[in-house]
Amino acid sequence: MGLTLMPKIKSQETLVRERKRWAALAILVAAIVGSYLWWKQGTLRYEEWSPNQQYVVRNYKTFEFIPRFTMPGDGGHYSGYMRVYDKNGKQLYEEFRPARLCRRPLLGKRRRLLDG
């Protein structure tokens, strides 16, 4: 003659509180994802075409949460993305570049991409 325990029934207030928590969490996650997508898109700084006009390298500046202060003449130190596209607009390569690497000209393997 074992006792069968009934599950504890939650009150209406507890259910409403839990729904509000889940809704707040969903809104927070949506805000974080939206902010990241906005940040990653960046603004186009410049583009460089290959000699045979088959490929283009586009450099995008991303929003800086901590502003960088430079001396006059230091110029455009910014973080961003370097993206390589073919002439049809298909993205072939993407790389995040910290502020110290976002400078012209492209060297090494990236330069070979431009040469076609």
N, C-alpha and C. Protein backbone atom coordinates (compact mmCIF):
# COMPACT_ATOMS: atom_id res chain seq x y z
N MET A 1 0.82 -1.17 0.00
CA MET A 1 0.00 0.00 0.00
C MET A 1 0.87 1.24 0.00
N GLY A 2 1.53 1.44 -1.13
CA GLY A 2 2.40 2.61 -1.24
C GLY A 2 1.60 3.88 -1.49
N LEU A 3 2.16 4.94 -1.03
CA LEU A 3 1.53 6.22 -1.24
C LEU A 3 1.89 6.74 -2.62
N THR A 4 0.93 7.22 -3.33
CA THR A 4 1.22 7.86 -4.61
C THR A 4 1.20 9.36 -4.37
N LEU A 5 2.31 9.99 -4.68
CA LEU A 5 2.41 11.43 -4.48
C LEU A 5 1.93 12.16 -5.72
N MET A 6 1.10 13.11 -5.51
CA MET A 6 0.62 13.94 -6.61
C MET A 6 1.65 15.01 -6.90
N PRO A 7 1.89 15.30 -8.17
CA PRO A 7 2.82 16.38 -8.46
C PRO A 7 2.28 17.71 -7.94
N LYS A 8 3.20 18.55 -7.50
CA LYS A 8 2.79 19.84 -6.95
C LYS A 8 2.30 20.73 -8.09
N ILE A 9 1.15 21.28 -7.93
CA ILE A 9 0.57 22.15 -8.95
C ILE A 9 1.05 23.57 -8.68
N LYS A 10 1.58 24.20 -9.75
CA LYS A 10 2.10 25.56 -9.61
C LYS A 10 0.95 26.55 -9.64
N SER A 11 1.13 27.62 -8.92
CA SER A 11 0.10 28.65 -8.89
C SER A 11 0.14 29.46 -10.19
N GLN A 12 -0.93 30.16 -10.43
CA GLN A 12 -1.04 30.98 -11.63
C GLN A 12 0.04 32.06 -11.66
N GLU A 13 0.33 32.64 -10.49
CA GLU A 13 1.36 33.69 -10.43
C GLU A 13 2.73 33.14 -10.81
N THR A 14 3.04 31.93 -10.37
CA THR A 14 4.32 31.31 -10.69
C THR A 14 4.42 31.05 -12.19
N LEU A 15 3.35 30.59 -12.80
CA LEU A 15 3.36 30.35 -14.24
C LEU A 15 3.56 31.64 -15.03
N VAL A 16 2.90 32.71 -14.59
CA VAL A 16 3.04 34.01 -15.26
C VAL A 16 4.47 34.52 -15.13
N ARG A 17 5.07 34.38 -13.93
CA ARG A 17 6.46 34.81 -13.72
C ARG A 17 7.42 34.05 -14.64
N GLU A 18 7.20 32.73 -14.77
CA GLU A 18 8.07 31.92 -15.63
C GLU A 18 7.93 32.33 -17.09
N ARG A 19 6.72 32.61 -17.53
CA ARG A 19 6.51 33.06 -18.91
C ARG A 19 7.21 34.40 -19.16
N LYS A 20 7.12 35.29 -18.18
CA LYS A 20 7.79 36.59 -18.32
C LYS A 20 9.30 36.42 -18.39
N ARG A 21 9.85 35.51 -17.61
CA ARG A 21 11.30 35.25 -17.66
C ARG A 21 11.71 34.74 -19.03
N TRP A 22 10.93 33.78 -19.55
CA TRP A 22 11.26 33.23 -20.87
C TRP A 22 11.13 34.30 -21.96
N ALA A 23 10.11 35.14 -21.84
CA ALA A 23 9.94 36.21 -22.83
C ALA A 23 11.10 37.21 -22.75
N ALA A 24 11.53 37.56 -21.55
CA ALA A 24 12.66 38.49 -21.38
C ALA A 24 13.94 37.87 -21.94
N LEU A 25 14.14 36.57 -21.71
CA LEU A 25 15.31 35.90 -22.24
C LEU A 25 15.28 35.88 -23.77
N ALA A 26 14.12 35.62 -24.36
CA ALA A 26 13.99 35.61 -25.82
C ALA A 26 14.29 36.99 -26.41
N ILE A 27 13.80 38.04 -25.76
CA ILE A 27 14.06 39.41 -26.23
C ILE A 27 15.54 39.74 -26.12
N LEU A 28 16.18 39.33 -25.03
CA LEU A 28 17.61 39.57 -24.85
C LEU A 28 18.44 38.86 -25.92
N VAL A 29 18.12 37.61 -26.19
CA VAL A 29 18.84 36.85 -27.21
C VAL A 29 18.65 37.50 -28.59
N ALA A 30 17.43 37.91 -28.91
CA ALA A 30 17.16 38.56 -30.20
C ALA A 30 17.94 39.88 -30.31
N ALA A 31 18.03 40.64 -29.22
CA ALA A 31 18.79 41.89 -29.24
C ALA A 31 20.28 41.63 -29.44
N ILE A 32 20.82 40.61 -28.80
CA ILE A 32 22.24 40.29 -28.95
C ILE A 32 22.54 39.84 -30.38
N VAL A 33 21.72 38.97 -30.93
CA VAL A 33 21.94 38.49 -32.31
C VAL A 33 21.80 39.64 -33.29
N GLY A 34 20.79 40.47 -33.14
CA GLY A 34 20.61 41.63 -34.03
C GLY A 34 21.77 42.60 -33.96
N SER A 35 22.26 42.86 -32.76
CA SER A 35 23.40 43.76 -32.60
C SER A 35 24.65 43.20 -33.27
N TYR A 36 24.87 41.90 -33.11
CA TYR A 36 26.04 41.28 -33.74
C TYR A 36 25.96 41.36 -35.26
N LEU A 37 24.79 41.08 -35.81
CA LEU A 37 24.65 41.14 -37.27
C LEU A 37 24.85 42.56 -37.78
N TRP A 38 24.34 43.56 -37.06
CA TRP A 38 24.55 44.96 -37.44
C TRP A 38 26.03 45.30 -37.37
N TRP A 39 26.72 44.87 -36.31
CA TRP A 39 28.14 45.17 -36.14
C TRP A 39 28.97 44.51 -37.23
N LYS A 40 28.67 43.26 -37.55
CA LYS A 40 29.48 42.52 -38.51
C LYS A 40 29.35 43.08 -39.92
N GLN A 41 28.23 43.63 -40.27
CA GLN A 41 28.04 44.14 -41.63
C GLN A 41 29.04 45.26 -41.94
N GLY A 42 29.30 46.15 -41.00
CA GLY A 42 30.30 47.19 -41.18
C GLY A 42 29.95 48.19 -42.27
N THR A 43 30.88 49.12 -42.51
CA THR A 43 30.72 50.10 -43.58
C THR A 43 31.90 49.96 -44.52
N LEU A 44 31.63 50.03 -45.81
CA LEU A 44 32.67 49.85 -46.82
C LEU A 44 33.67 51.01 -46.75
N ARG A 45 34.95 50.68 -46.61
CA ARG A 45 36.01 51.70 -46.57
C ARG A 45 36.62 51.89 -47.95
N TYR A 46 37.01 50.80 -48.58
CA TYR A 46 37.55 50.87 -49.94
C TYR A 46 37.51 49.49 -50.57
N GLU A 47 37.64 49.47 -51.89
CA GLU A 47 37.72 48.21 -52.60
C GLU A 47 38.86 48.27 -53.59
N GLU A 48 39.42 47.10 -53.87
CA GLU A 48 40.58 47.01 -54.74
C GLU A 48 40.33 45.86 -55.73
N TRP A 49 40.35 46.15 -57.02
CA TRP A 49 40.09 45.14 -58.05
C TRP A 49 41.38 44.49 -58.48
N SER A 50 41.29 43.23 -58.90
CA SER A 50 42.45 42.52 -59.43
C SER A 50 42.79 43.09 -60.82
N PRO A 51 44.03 42.89 -61.29
CA PRO A 51 44.39 43.41 -62.61
C PRO A 51 43.51 42.89 -63.74
N ASN A 52 43.04 41.66 -63.64
CA ASN A 52 42.19 41.11 -64.70
C ASN A 52 40.70 41.35 -64.45
N GLN A 53 40.37 42.13 -63.44
CA GLN A 53 38.99 42.49 -63.10
C GLN A 53 38.10 41.29 -62.78
N GLN A 54 38.69 40.18 -62.33
CA GLN A 54 37.92 39.00 -61.99
C GLN A 54 37.52 38.97 -60.51
N TYR A 55 38.31 39.62 -59.66
CA TYR A 55 38.09 39.59 -58.21
C TYR A 55 38.17 41.00 -57.63
N VAL A 56 37.49 41.17 -56.51
CA VAL A 56 37.56 42.45 -55.80
C VAL A 56 37.72 42.16 -54.31
N VAL A 57 38.58 42.93 -53.66
CA VAL A 57 38.74 42.85 -52.21
C VAL A 57 38.08 44.09 -51.64
N ARG A 58 37.16 43.87 -50.73
CA ARG A 58 36.46 44.99 -50.09
C ARG A 58 36.79 44.98 -48.60
N ASN A 59 37.17 46.13 -48.10
CA ASN A 59 37.47 46.26 -46.68
C ASN A 59 36.34 47.03 -46.00
N TYR A 60 35.81 46.44 -44.94
CA TYR A 60 34.71 47.01 -44.19
C TYR A 60 35.19 47.38 -42.79
N LYS A 61 34.81 48.56 -42.36
CA LYS A 61 35.12 49.01 -41.00
C LYS A 61 33.96 48.63 -40.10
N THR A 62 34.28 48.04 -38.94
CA THR A 62 33.25 47.71 -37.97
C THR A 62 33.20 48.78 -36.89
N PHE A 63 32.09 48.86 -36.21
CA PHE A 63 31.90 49.84 -35.15
C PHE A 63 32.85 49.56 -34.00
N GLU A 64 33.51 50.59 -33.51
CA GLU A 64 34.43 50.45 -32.38
C GLU A 64 33.70 50.82 -31.09
N PHE A 65 33.64 49.88 -30.17
CA PHE A 65 33.00 50.16 -28.89
C PHE A 65 33.90 51.02 -28.00
N ILE A 66 35.20 50.84 -28.16
CA ILE A 66 36.17 51.68 -27.45
C ILE A 66 36.87 52.52 -28.51
N PRO A 67 36.65 53.82 -28.53
CA PRO A 67 37.25 54.64 -29.58
C PRO A 67 38.78 54.61 -29.52
N ARG A 68 39.39 54.65 -30.68
CA ARG A 68 40.86 54.67 -30.77
C ARG A 68 41.30 56.09 -31.04
N PHE A 69 42.26 56.53 -30.26
CA PHE A 69 42.81 57.87 -30.46
C PHE A 69 44.20 57.71 -31.04
N THR A 70 44.46 58.40 -32.14
CA THR A 70 45.76 58.32 -32.78
C THR A 70 46.34 59.71 -32.94
N MET A 71 47.60 59.72 -33.20
CA MET A 71 48.28 60.99 -33.45
C MET A 71 48.03 61.40 -34.89
N PRO A 72 48.11 62.70 -35.18
CA PRO A 72 47.93 63.14 -36.57
C PRO A 72 48.94 62.44 -37.49
N GLY A 73 48.43 61.99 -38.61
CA GLY A 73 49.28 61.29 -39.57
C GLY A 73 49.23 59.79 -39.44
N ASP A 74 48.74 59.28 -38.31
CA ASP A 74 48.63 57.83 -38.17
C ASP A 74 47.50 57.27 -39.04
N GLY A 75 46.49 58.07 -39.24
CA GLY A 75 45.46 57.72 -40.19
C GLY A 75 44.51 56.63 -39.74
N GLY A 76 44.09 55.82 -40.71
CA GLY A 76 42.97 54.91 -40.52
C GLY A 76 43.29 53.60 -39.85
N HIS A 77 43.51 53.61 -38.57
CA HIS A 77 43.63 52.36 -37.84
C HIS A 77 42.24 51.98 -37.37
N TYR A 78 41.71 50.94 -37.93
CA TYR A 78 40.38 50.50 -37.57
C TYR A 78 40.30 48.99 -37.71
N SER A 79 39.39 48.38 -36.99
CA SER A 79 39.14 46.95 -37.12
C SER A 79 38.05 46.74 -38.15
N GLY A 80 38.08 45.60 -38.77
CA GLY A 80 37.04 45.32 -39.75
C GLY A 80 37.24 44.00 -40.45
N TYR A 81 36.49 43.83 -41.52
CA TYR A 81 36.54 42.61 -42.29
C TYR A 81 37.11 42.87 -43.67
N MET A 82 37.89 41.90 -44.15
CA MET A 82 38.34 41.91 -45.53
C MET A 82 37.58 40.78 -46.21
N ARG A 83 36.87 41.10 -47.28
CA ARG A 83 36.09 40.10 -48.00
C ARG A 83 36.50 40.10 -49.46
N VAL A 84 36.66 38.91 -50.03
CA VAL A 84 37.02 38.75 -51.44
C VAL A 84 35.79 38.23 -52.18
N TYR A 85 35.46 38.91 -53.29
CA TYR A 85 34.32 38.55 -54.12
C TYR A 85 34.79 38.31 -55.55
N ASP A 86 34.07 37.46 -56.28
CA ASP A 86 34.36 37.35 -57.71
C ASP A 86 33.56 38.43 -58.43
N LYS A 87 33.71 38.49 -59.77
CA LYS A 87 33.06 39.57 -60.51
C LYS A 87 31.53 39.46 -60.50
N ASN A 88 31.00 38.28 -60.18
CA ASN A 88 29.55 38.10 -60.10
C ASN A 88 28.98 38.46 -58.73
N GLY A 89 29.84 38.81 -57.79
CA GLY A 89 29.39 39.20 -56.46
C GLY A 89 29.35 38.07 -55.46
N LYS A 90 29.83 36.88 -55.84
CA LYS A 90 29.84 35.75 -54.90
C LYS A 90 31.03 35.90 -53.95
N GLN A 91 30.75 35.81 -52.65
CA GLN A 91 31.82 35.94 -51.65
C GLN A 91 32.66 34.68 -51.62
N LEU A 92 33.98 34.85 -51.77
CA LEU A 92 34.90 33.72 -51.79
C LEU A 92 35.66 33.55 -50.49
N TYR A 93 35.89 34.65 -49.77
CA TYR A 93 36.75 34.60 -48.59
C TYR A 93 36.38 35.75 -47.67
N GLU A 94 36.51 35.52 -46.36
CA GLU A 94 36.26 36.57 -45.38
C GLU A 94 37.22 36.39 -44.22
N GLU A 95 37.75 37.50 -43.75
CA GLU A 95 38.70 37.45 -42.63
C GLU A 95 38.55 38.70 -41.78
N PHE A 96 38.46 38.51 -40.47
CA PHE A 96 38.44 39.66 -39.55
C PHE A 96 39.86 40.17 -39.41
N ARG A 97 40.01 41.48 -39.47
CA ARG A 97 41.34 42.07 -39.37
C ARG A 97 41.34 43.10 -38.24
N PRO A 98 42.14 42.84 -37.20
CA PRO A 98 42.26 43.83 -36.13
C PRO A 98 42.87 45.13 -36.65
N ALA A 99 42.82 46.18 -35.84
CA ALA A 99 43.25 47.50 -36.27
C ALA A 99 44.67 47.51 -36.84
N ARG A 100 45.55 46.73 -36.29
CA ARG A 100 46.94 46.78 -36.75
C ARG A 100 47.15 46.14 -38.11
N LEU A 101 46.17 45.36 -38.60
CA LEU A 101 46.33 44.69 -39.89
C LEU A 101 45.52 45.31 -41.02
N CYS A 102 44.67 46.26 -40.74
CA CYS A 102 43.80 46.84 -41.78
C CYS A 102 44.52 47.96 -42.51
N ARG A 103 45.53 47.62 -43.24
CA ARG A 103 46.26 48.62 -44.01
C ARG A 103 46.48 48.11 -45.41
N ARG A 104 46.68 49.01 -46.33
CA ARG A 104 47.03 48.66 -47.70
C ARG A 104 48.54 48.52 -47.77
N PRO A 105 49.12 47.87 -48.70
CA PRO A 105 48.54 46.94 -49.66
C PRO A 105 48.42 45.56 -49.06
N LEU A 106 47.70 44.71 -49.75
CA LEU A 106 47.58 43.33 -49.32
C LEU A 106 48.86 42.58 -49.69
N LEU A 107 49.32 41.74 -48.80
CA LEU A 107 50.56 41.03 -49.04
C LEU A 107 50.33 39.53 -49.00
N GLY A 108 51.30 38.78 -49.47
CA GLY A 108 51.30 37.33 -49.33
C GLY A 108 50.19 36.66 -50.11
N LYS A 109 49.54 35.68 -49.46
CA LYS A 109 48.55 34.85 -50.16
C LYS A 109 47.36 35.67 -50.64
N ARG A 110 47.01 36.75 -49.94
CA ARG A 110 45.89 37.57 -50.37
C ARG A 110 46.21 38.26 -51.68
N ARG A 111 47.46 38.62 -51.88
CA ARG A 111 47.86 39.27 -53.13
C ARG A 111 47.72 38.28 -54.29
N ARG A 112 47.99 37.00 -54.04
CA ARG A 112 47.82 35.99 -55.09
C ARG A 112 46.36 35.86 -55.49
N LEU A 113 45.46 36.05 -54.54
CA LEU A 113 44.03 36.00 -54.89
C LEU A 113 43.68 37.09 -55.88
N LEU A 114 44.30 38.25 -55.71
CA LEU A 114 44.01 39.37 -56.59
C LEU A 114 44.60 39.19 -57.98
N ASP A 115 45.71 38.48 -58.08
CA ASP A 115 46.39 38.33 -59.36
C ASP A 115 45.64 37.40 -60.31
N GLY A 116 44.65 36.71 -59.78
CA GLY A 116 43.82 35.89 -60.63
C GLY A 116 44.41 34.55 -60.79
